[in-house]
Every structure is written in C-alpha cells, then in structure tokens.
C-alpha atoms as a PDB file:
ATOM      1  CA  MET A   1     140.572  67.805 124.505  1.00  0.00           C
ATOM      2  CA  ILE A   2     137.328  69.182 123.098  1.00  0.00           C
ATOM      3  CA  GLY A   3     136.174  72.608 124.067  1.00  0.00           C
ATOM      4  CA  ARG A   4     132.863  74.272 123.544  1.00  0.00           C
ATOM      5  CA  LEU A   5     130.246  73.228 121.028  1.00  0.00           C
ATOM      6  CA  ASN A   6     130.798  75.499 118.034  1.00  0.00           C
ATOM      7  CA  HIS A   7     127.775  74.463 115.969  1.00  0.00           C
ATOM      8  CA  VAL A   8     125.379  71.748 114.929  1.00  0.00           C
ATOM      9  CA  ALA A   9     125.095  71.446 111.146  1.00  0.00           C
ATOM     10  CA  ILE A  10     121.782  70.593 109.525  1.00  0.00           C
ATOM     11  CA  ALA A  11     121.608  69.628 105.852  1.00  0.00           C
ATOM     12  CA  VAL A  12     118.559  71.154 104.171  1.00  0.00           C
ATOM     13  CA  PRO A  13     117.034  70.768 100.707  1.00  0.00           C
ATOM     14  CA  ASP A  14     115.866  74.426 100.623  1.00  0.00           C
ATOM     15  CA  LEU A  15     118.114  76.948 102.346  1.00  0.00           C
ATOM     16  CA  ALA A  16     115.716  79.880 101.894  1.00  0.00           C
ATOM     17  CA  ALA A  17     112.837  77.959 103.476  1.00  0.00           C
ATOM     18  CA  ALA A  18     115.032  76.734 106.345  1.00  0.00           C
ATOM     19  CA  SER A  19     116.334  80.266 106.963  1.00  0.00           C
ATOM     20  CA  ALA A  20     112.777  81.621 106.971  1.00  0.00           C
ATOM     21  CA  LEU A  21     111.725  78.933 109.463  1.00  0.00           C
ATOM     22  CA  TYR A  22     114.539  79.761 111.903  1.00  0.00           C
ATOM     23  CA  GLY A  23     114.244  83.511 111.390  1.00  0.00           C
ATOM     24  CA  GLY A  24     110.459  83.662 111.376  1.00  0.00           C
ATOM     25  CA  ALA A  25     108.874  80.896 113.417  1.00  0.00           C
ATOM     26  CA  LEU A  26     111.761  80.643 115.889  1.00  0.00           C
ATOM     27  CA  GLY A  27     112.731  84.323 115.856  1.00  0.00           C
ATOM     28  CA  ALA A  28     116.457  83.655 115.513  1.00  0.00           C
ATOM     29  CA  LYS A  29     119.087  85.876 113.955  1.00  0.00           C
ATOM     30  CA  VAL A  30     120.057  84.259 110.636  1.00  0.00           C
ATOM     31  CA  SER A  31     123.079  85.276 108.564  1.00  0.00           C
ATOM     32  CA  ALA A  32     123.011  85.840 104.825  1.00  0.00           C
ATOM     33  CA  PRO A  33     123.834  82.791 102.694  1.00  0.00           C
ATOM     34  CA  VAL A  34     127.514  82.306 101.887  1.00  0.00           C
ATOM     35  CA  ALA A  35     128.709  79.990  99.128  1.00  0.00           C
ATOM     36  CA  GLN A  36     131.622  77.764 100.154  1.00  0.00           C
ATOM     37  CA  PRO A  37     132.772  76.302  96.802  1.00  0.00           C
ATOM     38  CA  LYS A  38     135.756  74.465  98.357  1.00  0.00           C
ATOM     39  CA  HIS A  39     133.313  72.519 100.531  1.00  0.00           C
ATOM     40  CA  GLY A  40     130.511  72.216  97.977  1.00  0.00           C
ATOM     41  CA  VAL A  41     127.907  73.961 100.133  1.00  0.00           C
ATOM     42  CA  THR A  42     126.087  77.199 100.717  1.00  0.00           C
ATOM     43  CA  VAL A  43     125.709  77.972 104.413  1.00  0.00           C
ATOM     44  CA  VAL A  44     123.818  80.240 106.761  1.00  0.00           C
ATOM     45  CA  PHE A  45     124.467  80.504 110.454  1.00  0.00           C
ATOM     46  CA  VAL A  46     121.692  80.776 113.002  1.00  0.00           C
ATOM     47  CA  GLU A  47     123.042  82.701 115.988  1.00  0.00           C
ATOM     48  CA  LEU A  48     122.051  81.373 119.410  1.00  0.00           C
ATOM     49  CA  PRO A  49     123.127  82.739 122.801  1.00  0.00           C
ATOM     50  CA  ASN A  50     125.424  79.770 123.473  1.00  0.00           C
ATOM     51  CA  THR A  51     126.275  78.321 120.014  1.00  0.00           C
ATOM     52  CA  LYS A  52     125.245  78.319 116.351  1.00  0.00           C
ATOM     53  CA  ILE A  53     123.218  76.178 113.989  1.00  0.00           C
ATOM     54  CA  GLU A  54     124.760  75.828 110.533  1.00  0.00           C
ATOM     55  CA  LEU A  55     122.248  75.226 107.742  1.00  0.00           C
ATOM     56  CA  LEU A  56     123.871  73.518 104.730  1.00  0.00           C
ATOM     57  CA  GLN A  57     122.570  73.284 101.185  1.00  0.00           C
ATOM     58  CA  PRO A  58     124.462  71.512  98.395  1.00  0.00           C
ATOM     59  CA  LEU A  59     126.349  73.692  95.956  1.00  0.00           C
ATOM     60  CA  GLY A  60     126.139  71.436  92.917  1.00  0.00           C
ATOM     61  CA  GLU A  61     125.508  67.749  92.411  1.00  0.00           C
ATOM     62  CA  GLU A  62     129.032  66.727  93.474  1.00  0.00           C
ATOM     63  CA  SER A  63     128.563  68.163  96.960  1.00  0.00           C
ATOM     64  CA  PRO A  64     128.857  65.668  99.839  1.00  0.00           C
ATOM     65  CA  ILE A  65     125.644  67.233 101.142  1.00  0.00           C
ATOM     66  CA  ALA A  66     123.866  66.235  97.908  1.00  0.00           C
ATOM     67  CA  GLY A  67     124.592  62.598  98.712  1.00  0.00           C
ATOM     68  CA  TYR A  68     123.367  63.051 102.264  1.00  0.00           C
ATOM     69  CA  LEU A  69     120.116  64.625 101.038  1.00  0.00           C
ATOM     70  CA  ALA A  70     119.646  61.838  98.484  1.00  0.00           C
ATOM     71  CA  ARG A  71     119.546  59.434 101.447  1.00  0.00           C
ATOM     72  CA  ASN A  72     117.618  61.871 103.683  1.00  0.00           C
ATOM     73  CA  PRO A  73     115.397  63.982 101.383  1.00  0.00           C
ATOM     74  CA  ALA A  74     113.873  66.035 104.211  1.00  0.00           C
ATOM     75  CA  GLY A  75     117.345  66.871 105.558  1.00  0.00           C
ATOM     76  CA  GLY A  76     118.632  66.344 109.066  1.00  0.00           C
ATOM     77  CA  ILE A  77     121.573  66.713 111.405  1.00  0.00           C
ATOM     78  CA  HIS A  78     124.751  66.284 109.377  1.00  0.00           C
ATOM     79  CA  HIS A  79     127.534  66.887 111.924  1.00  0.00           C
ATOM     80  CA  VAL A  80     128.507  68.352 115.276  1.00  0.00           C
ATOM     81  CA  CYS A  81     131.445  70.757 115.540  1.00  0.00           C
ATOM     82  CA  TYR A  82     133.608  71.070 118.647  1.00  0.00           C
ATOM     83  CA  GLU A  83     136.392  73.570 119.218  1.00  0.00           C
ATOM     84  CA  VAL A  84     139.909  72.439 120.098  1.00  0.00           C
ATOM     85  CA  ASP A  85     142.830  74.578 121.239  1.00  0.00           C
ATOM     86  CA  ASP A  86     145.381  72.847 118.999  1.00  0.00           C
ATOM     87  CA  ILE A  87     143.963  71.026 115.995  1.00  0.00           C
ATOM     88  CA  LEU A  88     147.230  69.263 115.095  1.00  0.00           C
ATOM     89  CA  ALA A  89     147.740  67.976 118.642  1.00  0.00           C
ATOM     90  CA  ALA A  90     144.085  66.860 118.729  1.00  0.00           C
ATOM     91  CA  ARG A  91     144.489  65.067 115.392  1.00  0.00           C
ATOM     92  CA  ASP A  92     147.641  63.301 116.528  1.00  0.00           C
ATOM     93  CA  GLN A  93     146.092  62.216 119.829  1.00  0.00           C
ATOM     94  CA  LEU A  94     142.950  60.940 118.074  1.00  0.00           C
ATOM     95  CA  LYS A  95     144.924  59.026 115.446  1.00  0.00           C
ATOM     96  CA  ALA A  96     147.093  57.482 118.187  1.00  0.00           C
ATOM     97  CA  SER A  97     143.906  56.257 119.879  1.00  0.00           C
ATOM     98  CA  GLY A  98     142.680  54.643 116.645  1.00  0.00           C
ATOM     99  CA  ALA A  99     140.221  57.295 115.439  1.00  0.00           C
ATOM    100  CA  ARG A 100     140.034  57.875 111.696  1.00  0.00           C
ATOM    101  CA  VAL A 101     140.493  61.389 110.351  1.00  0.00           C
ATOM    102  CA  LEU A 102     138.706  61.859 107.039  1.00  0.00           C
ATOM    103  CA  GLY A 103     140.410  63.089 103.880  1.00  0.00           C
ATOM    104  CA  ASP A 104     144.180  63.335 103.829  1.00  0.00           C
ATOM    105  CA  GLY A 105     144.351  64.049 107.565  1.00  0.00           C
ATOM    106  CA  GLU A 106     145.490  67.631 107.078  1.00  0.00           C
ATOM    107  CA  PRO A 107     143.303  70.495 108.324  1.00  0.00           C
ATOM    108  CA  LYS A 108     141.346  72.470 105.730  1.00  0.00           C
ATOM    109  CA  ILE A 109     140.025  75.998 106.138  1.00  0.00           C
ATOM    110  CA  GLY A 110     136.363  75.811 107.145  1.00  0.00           C
ATOM    111  CA  ALA A 111     133.393  78.160 106.890  1.00  0.00           C
ATOM    112  CA  HIS A 112     134.695  80.297 109.787  1.00  0.00           C
ATOM    113  CA  ASP A 113     138.101  80.718 108.074  1.00  0.00           C
ATOM    114  CA  LYS A 114     139.713  78.482 110.704  1.00  0.00           C
ATOM    115  CA  PRO A 115     141.381  75.059 110.323  1.00  0.00           C
ATOM    116  CA  VAL A 116     138.989  72.100 110.563  1.00  0.00           C
ATOM    117  CA  LEU A 117     139.131  68.292 110.455  1.00  0.00           C
ATOM    118  CA  PHE A 118     136.368  65.701 110.236  1.00  0.00           C
ATOM    119  CA  LEU A 119     136.347  62.417 112.149  1.00  0.00           C
ATOM    120  CA  HIS A 120     134.779  59.212 110.849  1.00  0.00           C
ATOM    121  CA  PRO A 121     131.239  58.729 112.199  1.00  0.00           C
ATOM    122  CA  LYS A 122     131.792  55.006 112.761  1.00  0.00           C
ATOM    123  CA  ASP A 123     134.355  55.924 115.414  1.00  0.00           C
ATOM    124  CA  PHE A 124     131.988  58.332 117.227  1.00  0.00           C
ATOM    125  CA  LEU A 125     128.646  56.609 117.787  1.00  0.00           C
ATOM    126  CA  GLY A 126     127.447  57.218 114.223  1.00  0.00           C
ATOM    127  CA  THR A 127     128.026  60.980 114.393  1.00  0.00           C
ATOM    128  CA  LEU A 128     130.234  62.891 111.972  1.00  0.00           C
ATOM    129  CA  ILE A 129     132.456  65.108 114.132  1.00  0.00           C
ATOM    130  CA  GLU A 130     134.092  68.316 112.955  1.00  0.00           C
ATOM    131  CA  LEU A 131     136.942  69.763 114.984  1.00  0.00           C
ATOM    132  CA  GLU A 132     137.676  73.468 114.580  1.00  0.00           C
ATOM    133  CA  GLN A 133     140.727  75.355 115.813  1.00  0.00           C
ATOM    134  CA  ALA A 134     139.523  77.723 118.559  1.00  0.00           C
END
C-alpha cells in the first residue's frame, strides 16, 4: 500500500537555527519558511536527493507541535510521511484492519497541497504516520 518515503518531520523550537544548521553545517538546500495556519505550524523543507526533511515550528500556543515541544524541549522526530496512490482506499483498508485514523477520518490538505491523513502512533510502533496522496 505505501509508496515512497515523502518526508521525515522534525519538530524544532527554533526554525531559523534549524534551517541554518541544515543549510550551513550539512550543506543542504533549505526552502523558505511557510506558515501553515490550518495546521498550526511554520515549515521549511530540506531537499535531499531521495526525500525531504520537514522542519516544524509551532505557529501559536495551540499548535499540536507546541505540545510536542513542551514534552521534548530540544525537539525531535515528530512523524514519518509515506505516499499512497489512493488515500481513501488506503484509509478504508487501514480502518478495516483496525488501525485508527486521527481526526474525523477525512483527508485534509497538507503542506504540499495534497490530501493527507494521520495514523495513531500506538498502532504503528509508537510512530505517528502521515499518509499523503501521491
């Protein structure tokens, strides 16, 4: 069902410092920050030859990333995103197998302007999984 790894998301307390680290010390191509008010985050994407790293900073105190950083002040891996060919078919198959889809179960438009869903980390070895329509 899952296709290629789209990105690994890392929650960070300081997006400018994290961007400078990836762009400077690691020499990666880093996008400009983009606010995603619907998701409560500001993001940058670090372009790699085979995937991306998404750096997430909370956009306000109500952001789900703010809660994550309260528990993990230095930041850390927040989720892994896999591509799927048909997000509704993937959702239905996962639900039929007992996996929990977060939220209302309907895809939302993600940072890449494509439909996304999140799967409960307790169903996937403690890892929050994002599925994105390819």
